[in-house]
Amino acid sequence: MIVKVPVICYVIVILMNPGMIFYPYYKLIDKLPDVIFKPLGGCLMCFTGQCAMWTYLITHFYSYNFFDHAFFISACIGLGMLIDKIIDYE
């Protein structure tokens, strides 16, 4: 799961480019303040961190561990950055 979250987030952020399927969503959230815009998809790292946070909370609700949660979020953000550097879509 630690690889799935950043890959899915990367694809979603790429699909928010002009002419892509999620571009109308991007235009909608672009009007929001940065504090809300970035975690909703305006920034790959912010979006990946937000998705990782909620994914871990939902999947480990009954066996929560703070340090595992922090590691999961950090690893997802790091892998997201690595994927972005390797693929270099834009």
C-alpha atoms as a PDB file:
ATOM      1  CA  MET A   1       0.000   0.000   0.000  1.00  0.00           C
ATOM      2  CA  ILE A   2       2.970   2.289   0.580  1.00  0.00           C
ATOM      3  CA  VAL A   3       3.621   2.332  -3.188  1.00  0.00           C
ATOM      4  CA  LYS A   4      -0.006   2.431  -4.326  1.00  0.00           C
ATOM      5  CA  VAL A   5      -0.889   5.736  -2.647  1.00  0.00           C
ATOM      6  CA  PRO A   6       1.882   7.836  -4.271  1.00  0.00           C
ATOM      7  CA  VAL A   7       1.325   6.255  -7.693  1.00  0.00           C
ATOM      8  CA  ILE A   8      -2.412   6.937  -7.597  1.00  0.00           C
ATOM      9  CA  CYS A   9      -1.840  10.488  -6.336  1.00  0.00           C
ATOM     10  CA  TYR A  10       0.720  11.134  -9.076  1.00  0.00           C
ATOM     11  CA  VAL A  11      -1.686   9.950 -11.772  1.00  0.00           C
ATOM     12  CA  ILE A  12      -4.510  12.082 -10.364  1.00  0.00           C
ATOM     13  CA  VAL A  13      -2.294  15.190 -10.288  1.00  0.00           C
ATOM     14  CA  ILE A  14      -1.158  14.535 -13.885  1.00  0.00           C
ATOM     15  CA  LEU A  15      -4.801  14.164 -14.955  1.00  0.00           C
ATOM     16  CA  MET A  16      -5.479  17.674 -13.613  1.00  0.00           C
ATOM     17  CA  ASN A  17      -3.464  19.259 -16.446  1.00  0.00           C
ATOM     18  CA  PRO A  18      -5.339  21.287 -19.080  1.00  0.00           C
ATOM     19  CA  GLY A  19      -7.228  19.051 -21.488  1.00  0.00           C
ATOM     20  CA  MET A  20      -7.229  16.080 -19.111  1.00  0.00           C
ATOM     21  CA  ILE A  21     -10.230  14.499 -17.388  1.00  0.00           C
ATOM     22  CA  PHE A  22      -9.734  16.111 -13.943  1.00  0.00           C
ATOM     23  CA  TYR A  23      -9.010  19.617 -15.252  1.00  0.00           C
ATOM     24  CA  PRO A  24     -12.519  20.888 -14.348  1.00  0.00           C
ATOM     25  CA  TYR A  25     -11.872  19.735 -10.760  1.00  0.00           C
ATOM     26  CA  TYR A  26      -8.551  21.618 -10.814  1.00  0.00           C
ATOM     27  CA  LYS A  27     -10.250  24.805 -11.997  1.00  0.00           C
ATOM     28  CA  LEU A  28     -12.787  24.411  -9.177  1.00  0.00           C
ATOM     29  CA  ILE A  29     -10.218  23.987  -6.397  1.00  0.00           C
ATOM     30  CA  ASP A  30      -7.890  26.618  -7.881  1.00  0.00           C
ATOM     31  CA  LYS A  31     -10.217  29.312  -6.535  1.00  0.00           C
ATOM     32  CA  LEU A  32      -9.682  28.149  -2.943  1.00  0.00           C
ATOM     33  CA  PRO A  33      -7.010  29.519  -0.577  1.00  0.00           C
ATOM     34  CA  ASP A  34      -3.636  27.718  -0.791  1.00  0.00           C
ATOM     35  CA  VAL A  35      -4.143  26.075   2.601  1.00  0.00           C
ATOM     36  CA  ILE A  36      -7.105  24.174   1.140  1.00  0.00           C
ATOM     37  CA  PHE A  37      -6.055  24.109  -2.531  1.00  0.00           C
ATOM     38  CA  LYS A  38      -2.752  22.300  -2.062  1.00  0.00           C
ATOM     39  CA  PRO A  39      -3.967  19.272  -0.031  1.00  0.00           C
ATOM     40  CA  LEU A  40      -6.893  18.814  -2.435  1.00  0.00           C
ATOM     41  CA  GLY A  41      -4.605  18.360  -5.440  1.00  0.00           C
ATOM     42  CA  GLY A  42      -2.770  21.614  -6.102  1.00  0.00           C
ATOM     43  CA  CYS A  43       0.543  20.220  -4.840  1.00  0.00           C
ATOM     44  CA  LEU A  44       1.701  16.639  -5.413  1.00  0.00           C
ATOM     45  CA  MET A  45       3.445  16.318  -2.048  1.00  0.00           C
ATOM     46  CA  CYS A  46       0.577  17.902  -0.093  1.00  0.00           C
ATOM     47  CA  PHE A  47      -2.009  15.771  -1.890  1.00  0.00           C
ATOM     48  CA  THR A  48       0.016  12.585  -1.376  1.00  0.00           C
ATOM     49  CA  GLY A  49       0.458  13.379   2.318  1.00  0.00           C
ATOM     50  CA  GLN A  50      -3.251  13.999   2.738  1.00  0.00           C
ATOM     51  CA  CYS A  51      -4.176  10.769   0.935  1.00  0.00           C
ATOM     52  CA  ALA A  52      -1.588   8.818   2.948  1.00  0.00           C
ATOM     53  CA  MET A  53      -2.867  10.259   6.213  1.00  0.00           C
ATOM     54  CA  TRP A  54      -6.467   9.261   5.528  1.00  0.00           C
ATOM     55  CA  THR A  55      -5.555   5.899   3.987  1.00  0.00           C
ATOM     56  CA  TYR A  56      -3.598   4.893   7.074  1.00  0.00           C
ATOM     57  CA  LEU A  57      -6.310   6.123   9.446  1.00  0.00           C
ATOM     58  CA  ILE A  58      -9.021   4.206   7.592  1.00  0.00           C
ATOM     59  CA  THR A  59      -7.063   0.970   7.150  1.00  0.00           C
ATOM     60  CA  HIS A  60      -5.524   0.899  10.656  1.00  0.00           C
ATOM     61  CA  PHE A  61      -8.372   2.353  12.679  1.00  0.00           C
ATOM     62  CA  TYR A  62      -8.390  -0.395  15.324  1.00  0.00           C
ATOM     63  CA  SER A  63      -4.632  -0.946  15.456  1.00  0.00           C
ATOM     64  CA  TYR A  64      -3.395   2.647  15.310  1.00  0.00           C
ATOM     65  CA  ASN A  65       0.278   3.409  15.941  1.00  0.00           C
ATOM     66  CA  PHE A  66       1.464   7.012  15.741  1.00  0.00           C
ATOM     67  CA  PHE A  67       5.024   6.199  14.630  1.00  0.00           C
ATOM     68  CA  ASP A  68       3.836   3.810  11.916  1.00  0.00           C
ATOM     69  CA  HIS A  69       1.408   6.493  10.785  1.00  0.00           C
ATOM     70  CA  ALA A  70       4.154   9.132  10.601  1.00  0.00           C
ATOM     71  CA  PHE A  71       6.446   6.726   8.725  1.00  0.00           C
ATOM     72  CA  PHE A  72       3.683   5.791   6.276  1.00  0.00           C
ATOM     73  CA  ILE A  73       2.978   9.442   5.447  1.00  0.00           C
ATOM     74  CA  SER A  74       6.682  10.275   5.115  1.00  0.00           C
ATOM     75  CA  ALA A  75       7.391   7.247   2.931  1.00  0.00           C
ATOM     76  CA  CYS A  76       4.444   8.025   0.656  1.00  0.00           C
ATOM     77  CA  ILE A  77       5.535  11.639   0.219  1.00  0.00           C
ATOM     78  CA  GLY A  78       9.119  10.551  -0.440  1.00  0.00           C
ATOM     79  CA  LEU A  79       8.041   7.968  -3.011  1.00  0.00           C
ATOM     80  CA  GLY A  80       5.767  10.535  -4.631  1.00  0.00           C
ATOM     81  CA  MET A  81       8.718  12.908  -4.998  1.00  0.00           C
ATOM     82  CA  LEU A  82      10.856  10.082  -6.387  1.00  0.00           C
ATOM     83  CA  ILE A  83       8.185   9.111  -8.914  1.00  0.00           C
ATOM     84  CA  ASP A  84       7.873  12.756  -9.961  1.00  0.00           C
ATOM     85  CA  LYS A  85      11.639  13.048 -10.498  1.00  0.00           C
ATOM     86  CA  ILE A  86      11.905   9.736 -12.382  1.00  0.00           C
ATOM     87  CA  ILE A  87       8.965  10.326 -14.720  1.00  0.00           C
ATOM     88  CA  ASP A  88       9.328  14.128 -15.067  1.00  0.00           C
ATOM     89  CA  TYR A  89       6.053  14.503 -16.973  1.00  0.00           C
ATOM     90  CA  GLU A  90       6.015  18.290 -17.235  1.00  0.00           C
END
